[in-house]
N, C-alpha and C. Protein backbone atom coordinates (compact mmCIF):
# COMPACT_ATOMS: atom_id res chain seq x y z
N MET A 1 16.77 5.05 -7.08
CA MET A 1 15.98 5.85 -6.14
C MET A 1 16.96 6.53 -5.19
N SER A 2 16.83 7.84 -5.06
CA SER A 2 17.74 8.54 -4.16
C SER A 2 17.45 8.15 -2.71
N ASP A 3 18.49 8.18 -1.88
CA ASP A 3 18.31 7.79 -0.48
C ASP A 3 17.30 8.68 0.23
N PHE A 4 17.36 9.99 -0.05
CA PHE A 4 16.44 10.91 0.64
C PHE A 4 15.00 10.60 0.26
N ILE A 5 14.73 10.53 -1.04
CA ILE A 5 13.37 10.25 -1.48
C ILE A 5 12.95 8.87 -1.01
N GLY A 6 13.83 7.89 -1.15
CA GLY A 6 13.50 6.53 -0.74
C GLY A 6 13.15 6.43 0.72
N GLU A 7 13.93 7.05 1.57
CA GLU A 7 13.66 6.99 3.00
C GLU A 7 12.38 7.76 3.35
N ASP A 8 12.15 8.87 2.70
CA ASP A 8 10.95 9.67 2.94
C ASP A 8 9.69 8.88 2.56
N ILE A 9 9.72 8.25 1.40
CA ILE A 9 8.58 7.45 0.93
C ILE A 9 8.39 6.24 1.84
N LYS A 10 9.48 5.57 2.19
CA LYS A 10 9.38 4.40 3.07
C LYS A 10 8.82 4.78 4.43
N ARG A 11 9.26 5.90 4.97
CA ARG A 11 8.77 6.37 6.26
C ARG A 11 7.26 6.61 6.19
N GLN A 12 6.81 7.25 5.10
CA GLN A 12 5.38 7.51 4.94
C GLN A 12 4.61 6.20 4.77
N ALA A 13 5.16 5.26 4.02
CA ALA A 13 4.49 3.97 3.84
C ALA A 13 4.30 3.26 5.17
N LEU A 14 5.34 3.27 6.00
CA LEU A 14 5.24 2.62 7.32
C LEU A 14 4.25 3.34 8.22
N LEU A 15 4.25 4.67 8.18
CA LEU A 15 3.31 5.46 8.99
C LEU A 15 1.87 5.13 8.60
N LEU A 16 1.58 5.16 7.30
CA LEU A 16 0.22 4.85 6.84
C LEU A 16 -0.17 3.42 7.18
N ALA A 17 0.74 2.49 6.97
CA ALA A 17 0.44 1.08 7.24
C ALA A 17 0.14 0.86 8.72
N ARG A 18 0.95 1.43 9.59
CA ARG A 18 0.73 1.27 11.04
C ARG A 18 -0.59 1.91 11.46
N ASP A 19 -0.86 3.12 10.96
CA ASP A 19 -2.11 3.79 11.31
C ASP A 19 -3.32 3.01 10.81
N ASN A 20 -3.24 2.51 9.59
CA ASN A 20 -4.36 1.73 9.03
C ASN A 20 -4.59 0.45 9.81
N LYS A 21 -3.51 -0.21 10.21
CA LYS A 21 -3.62 -1.45 10.98
C LYS A 21 -4.25 -1.19 12.35
N LYS A 22 -3.93 -0.04 12.94
CA LYS A 22 -4.50 0.30 14.25
C LYS A 22 -6.02 0.46 14.18
N VAL A 23 -6.50 1.10 13.12
CA VAL A 23 -7.94 1.36 13.01
C VAL A 23 -8.69 0.21 12.35
N GLU A 24 -7.97 -0.70 11.69
CA GLU A 24 -8.61 -1.85 11.05
C GLU A 24 -7.84 -3.12 11.42
N PRO A 25 -8.14 -3.69 12.59
CA PRO A 25 -7.40 -4.86 13.05
C PRO A 25 -7.59 -6.11 12.19
N GLU A 26 -8.58 -6.10 11.30
CA GLU A 26 -8.80 -7.25 10.41
C GLU A 26 -7.76 -7.35 9.30
N ILE A 27 -6.93 -6.33 9.14
CA ILE A 27 -5.88 -6.38 8.12
C ILE A 27 -4.92 -7.50 8.50
N GLN A 28 -4.71 -8.41 7.57
CA GLN A 28 -3.83 -9.56 7.80
C GLN A 28 -2.39 -9.28 7.38
N ALA A 29 -2.22 -8.45 6.36
CA ALA A 29 -0.88 -8.10 5.87
C ALA A 29 -0.98 -6.81 5.07
N ILE A 30 0.13 -6.09 5.03
CA ILE A 30 0.20 -4.89 4.19
C ILE A 30 1.49 -4.97 3.39
N TYR A 31 1.34 -4.83 2.08
CA TYR A 31 2.48 -4.87 1.16
C TYR A 31 2.72 -3.49 0.59
N TRP A 32 3.99 -3.17 0.45
CA TRP A 32 4.42 -1.91 -0.12
C TRP A 32 4.99 -2.18 -1.49
N MET A 33 4.53 -1.41 -2.48
CA MET A 33 5.06 -1.48 -3.84
C MET A 33 5.99 -0.27 -3.99
N PRO A 34 7.29 -0.45 -3.82
CA PRO A 34 8.22 0.69 -3.82
C PRO A 34 8.14 1.54 -5.09
N CYS A 35 8.23 2.84 -4.88
CA CYS A 35 8.16 3.83 -5.97
C CYS A 35 8.82 5.10 -5.46
N GLU A 36 9.46 5.85 -6.34
CA GLU A 36 10.13 7.10 -5.95
C GLU A 36 9.17 8.25 -5.71
N THR A 37 7.99 8.21 -6.31
CA THR A 37 7.14 9.40 -6.33
C THR A 37 5.86 9.30 -5.51
N GLU A 38 5.46 8.10 -5.12
CA GLU A 38 4.25 7.96 -4.31
C GLU A 38 4.31 6.70 -3.47
N VAL A 39 3.50 6.68 -2.43
CA VAL A 39 3.37 5.50 -1.58
C VAL A 39 2.29 4.62 -2.20
N ARG A 40 2.59 3.32 -2.34
CA ARG A 40 1.64 2.36 -2.91
C ARG A 40 1.53 1.18 -1.94
N LEU A 41 0.35 1.03 -1.35
CA LEU A 41 0.12 -0.03 -0.38
C LEU A 41 -1.00 -0.95 -0.84
N ILE A 42 -0.83 -2.23 -0.54
CA ILE A 42 -1.89 -3.21 -0.77
C ILE A 42 -2.18 -3.84 0.58
N GLU A 43 -3.40 -3.64 1.06
CA GLU A 43 -3.82 -4.17 2.35
C GLU A 43 -4.65 -5.43 2.12
N VAL A 44 -4.28 -6.49 2.80
CA VAL A 44 -4.94 -7.78 2.63
C VAL A 44 -5.83 -8.05 3.83
N GLN A 45 -7.11 -8.24 3.57
CA GLN A 45 -8.05 -8.56 4.64
C GLN A 45 -9.24 -9.32 4.05
N SER A 46 -9.76 -10.24 4.84
CA SER A 46 -10.82 -11.11 4.33
C SER A 46 -12.21 -10.48 4.37
N ASN A 47 -12.37 -9.36 5.05
CA ASN A 47 -13.70 -8.75 5.18
C ASN A 47 -13.96 -7.65 4.14
N VAL A 48 -13.30 -7.74 2.98
CA VAL A 48 -13.58 -6.79 1.91
C VAL A 48 -14.27 -7.54 0.76
N VAL A 49 -14.96 -6.79 -0.06
CA VAL A 49 -15.69 -7.36 -1.19
C VAL A 49 -14.72 -7.93 -2.21
N LYS A 50 -15.05 -9.07 -2.75
CA LYS A 50 -14.23 -9.70 -3.78
C LYS A 50 -14.17 -8.79 -5.01
N CYS A 51 -12.99 -8.70 -5.60
CA CYS A 51 -12.78 -7.88 -6.79
C CYS A 51 -13.42 -8.56 -7.99
N LEU A 52 -14.27 -7.83 -8.69
CA LEU A 52 -14.93 -8.38 -9.87
C LEU A 52 -14.26 -7.95 -11.18
N SER A 53 -13.41 -6.94 -11.12
CA SER A 53 -12.78 -6.41 -12.33
C SER A 53 -11.53 -7.18 -12.74
N GLY A 54 -10.98 -7.97 -11.80
CA GLY A 54 -9.74 -8.69 -12.09
C GLY A 54 -8.50 -7.84 -11.90
N ALA A 55 -8.67 -6.63 -11.38
CA ALA A 55 -7.54 -5.72 -11.20
C ALA A 55 -7.58 -5.05 -9.84
N VAL A 56 -6.40 -4.77 -9.30
CA VAL A 56 -6.28 -4.00 -8.07
C VAL A 56 -6.77 -2.59 -8.37
N GLU A 57 -7.65 -2.07 -7.50
CA GLU A 57 -8.24 -0.75 -7.71
C GLU A 57 -7.96 0.13 -6.49
N PRO A 58 -6.83 0.84 -6.52
CA PRO A 58 -6.45 1.66 -5.37
C PRO A 58 -7.31 2.91 -5.21
N PHE A 59 -7.38 3.36 -3.98
CA PHE A 59 -7.91 4.68 -3.65
C PHE A 59 -6.69 5.60 -3.62
N TYR A 60 -6.78 6.76 -4.22
CA TYR A 60 -5.64 7.68 -4.26
C TYR A 60 -5.89 8.89 -3.36
N PHE A 61 -4.80 9.34 -2.71
CA PHE A 61 -4.87 10.46 -1.78
C PHE A 61 -3.76 11.45 -2.12
N ASP A 62 -4.08 12.74 -2.01
CA ASP A 62 -3.10 13.79 -2.24
C ASP A 62 -2.11 13.86 -1.08
N PRO A 63 -0.95 14.45 -1.32
CA PRO A 63 -0.01 14.67 -0.21
C PRO A 63 -0.63 15.58 0.84
N SER A 64 -0.14 15.45 2.06
CA SER A 64 -0.57 16.32 3.15
C SER A 64 0.66 16.60 4.02
N PRO A 65 1.55 17.47 3.55
CA PRO A 65 2.80 17.72 4.27
C PRO A 65 2.61 18.13 5.73
N THR A 66 1.54 18.86 6.04
CA THR A 66 1.32 19.27 7.42
C THR A 66 1.01 18.09 8.33
N ASP A 67 0.59 16.97 7.74
CA ASP A 67 0.32 15.75 8.51
C ASP A 67 1.46 14.75 8.41
N GLY A 68 2.60 15.18 7.87
CA GLY A 68 3.74 14.29 7.73
C GLY A 68 3.63 13.34 6.55
N LEU A 69 2.78 13.69 5.57
CA LEU A 69 2.58 12.86 4.39
C LEU A 69 2.96 13.67 3.15
N PRO A 70 4.25 13.76 2.85
CA PRO A 70 4.70 14.63 1.77
C PRO A 70 4.42 14.09 0.36
N ALA A 71 4.15 12.82 0.23
CA ALA A 71 3.94 12.22 -1.09
C ALA A 71 2.50 11.79 -1.27
N PRO A 72 2.02 11.74 -2.51
CA PRO A 72 0.69 11.17 -2.74
C PRO A 72 0.72 9.68 -2.42
N SER A 73 -0.44 9.10 -2.23
CA SER A 73 -0.48 7.67 -1.90
C SER A 73 -1.64 6.99 -2.60
N GLY A 74 -1.45 5.71 -2.84
CA GLY A 74 -2.50 4.85 -3.38
C GLY A 74 -2.60 3.64 -2.48
N ILE A 75 -3.82 3.34 -2.03
CA ILE A 75 -4.03 2.21 -1.11
C ILE A 75 -5.12 1.33 -1.67
N ALA A 76 -4.81 0.05 -1.78
CA ALA A 76 -5.77 -0.92 -2.31
C ALA A 76 -6.11 -1.95 -1.25
N LEU A 77 -7.35 -2.38 -1.25
CA LEU A 77 -7.83 -3.42 -0.33
C LEU A 77 -8.15 -4.66 -1.15
N ILE A 78 -7.55 -5.79 -0.77
CA ILE A 78 -7.84 -7.04 -1.47
C ILE A 78 -8.03 -8.17 -0.48
N ARG A 79 -8.63 -9.24 -0.95
CA ARG A 79 -8.82 -10.45 -0.14
C ARG A 79 -7.55 -11.30 -0.21
N PRO A 80 -7.31 -12.16 0.78
CA PRO A 80 -6.10 -12.99 0.77
C PRO A 80 -5.96 -13.85 -0.49
N ASP A 81 -7.07 -14.39 -0.99
CA ASP A 81 -6.99 -15.25 -2.18
C ASP A 81 -6.75 -14.47 -3.46
N GLU A 82 -6.79 -13.15 -3.40
CA GLU A 82 -6.56 -12.32 -4.58
C GLU A 82 -5.10 -11.88 -4.71
N PHE A 83 -4.32 -12.06 -3.64
CA PHE A 83 -2.92 -11.64 -3.68
C PHE A 83 -2.18 -12.42 -4.77
N GLY A 84 -1.53 -11.69 -5.63
CA GLY A 84 -0.75 -12.31 -6.70
C GLY A 84 -1.55 -12.73 -7.92
N THR A 85 -2.88 -12.62 -7.85
CA THR A 85 -3.71 -13.07 -8.97
C THR A 85 -4.34 -11.92 -9.74
N LEU A 86 -4.56 -10.79 -9.08
CA LEU A 86 -5.17 -9.63 -9.75
C LEU A 86 -4.12 -8.88 -10.57
N ASN A 87 -4.57 -8.20 -11.60
CA ASN A 87 -3.68 -7.33 -12.36
C ASN A 87 -3.40 -6.07 -11.53
N LEU A 88 -2.14 -5.68 -11.51
CA LEU A 88 -1.75 -4.45 -10.82
C LEU A 88 -1.89 -3.27 -11.77
N PRO A 89 -2.09 -2.06 -11.22
CA PRO A 89 -2.08 -0.88 -12.10
C PRO A 89 -0.78 -0.88 -12.91
N GLY A 90 -0.84 -0.39 -14.13
CA GLY A 90 0.28 -0.47 -15.06
C GLY A 90 1.62 0.02 -14.54
N ASN A 91 1.60 1.03 -13.69
CA ASN A 91 2.86 1.60 -13.20
C ASN A 91 3.27 1.08 -11.82
N TRP A 92 2.59 0.05 -11.31
CA TRP A 92 2.87 -0.44 -9.96
C TRP A 92 3.91 -1.57 -9.93
N GLY A 93 4.39 -2.02 -11.06
CA GLY A 93 5.36 -3.10 -11.07
C GLY A 93 4.68 -4.46 -11.11
N ASN A 94 5.37 -5.46 -10.56
CA ASN A 94 4.89 -6.83 -10.54
C ASN A 94 4.67 -7.29 -9.11
N TRP A 95 3.91 -8.36 -8.96
CA TRP A 95 3.67 -8.90 -7.61
C TRP A 95 4.97 -9.26 -6.92
N GLU A 96 5.99 -9.64 -7.69
CA GLU A 96 7.29 -10.00 -7.09
C GLU A 96 7.96 -8.79 -6.44
N ASP A 97 7.53 -7.58 -6.81
CA ASP A 97 8.08 -6.36 -6.22
C ASP A 97 7.48 -6.03 -4.86
N ALA A 98 6.38 -6.68 -4.51
CA ALA A 98 5.67 -6.38 -3.26
C ALA A 98 6.52 -6.75 -2.05
N LEU A 99 6.68 -5.79 -1.14
CA LEU A 99 7.45 -6.03 0.08
C LEU A 99 6.50 -6.05 1.27
N LEU A 100 6.51 -7.14 2.02
CA LEU A 100 5.68 -7.24 3.21
C LEU A 100 6.23 -6.30 4.27
N LEU A 101 5.37 -5.43 4.79
CA LEU A 101 5.78 -4.50 5.83
C LEU A 101 5.61 -5.14 7.21
N GLU A 102 6.65 -5.06 8.01
CA GLU A 102 6.58 -5.52 9.39
C GLU A 102 5.99 -4.40 10.22
N LEU A 103 4.90 -4.67 10.91
CA LEU A 103 4.17 -3.62 11.61
C LEU A 103 4.21 -3.76 13.12
N SER A 104 5.33 -4.24 13.63
CA SER A 104 5.44 -4.37 15.09
C SER A 104 5.38 -3.00 15.72
N GLU A 105 4.75 -2.93 16.85
CA GLU A 105 4.57 -1.65 17.56
C GLU A 105 5.84 -1.26 18.27
């Protein structure tokens, strides 16, 4: 992963994670699945519906460069007991790749 792309994607991941945590205080943790081409976040919170499909099902968003979001993003909501047990989308890597984002203000 090139440093420029990596830092740009990481910056966007942190921005989205912090903004999401501000508007949804029930989020217990946010994990980033590193990728060169898009931001991939998994938000863990107990007040979401249990997954019945057995797989992480992200919501996808287009880039919005004017809002400081140059890359597309995928954000998934899961329950704490589902972390590490659901199947990830095929191109998202493995659960061992998930990096916990520190969201200190």
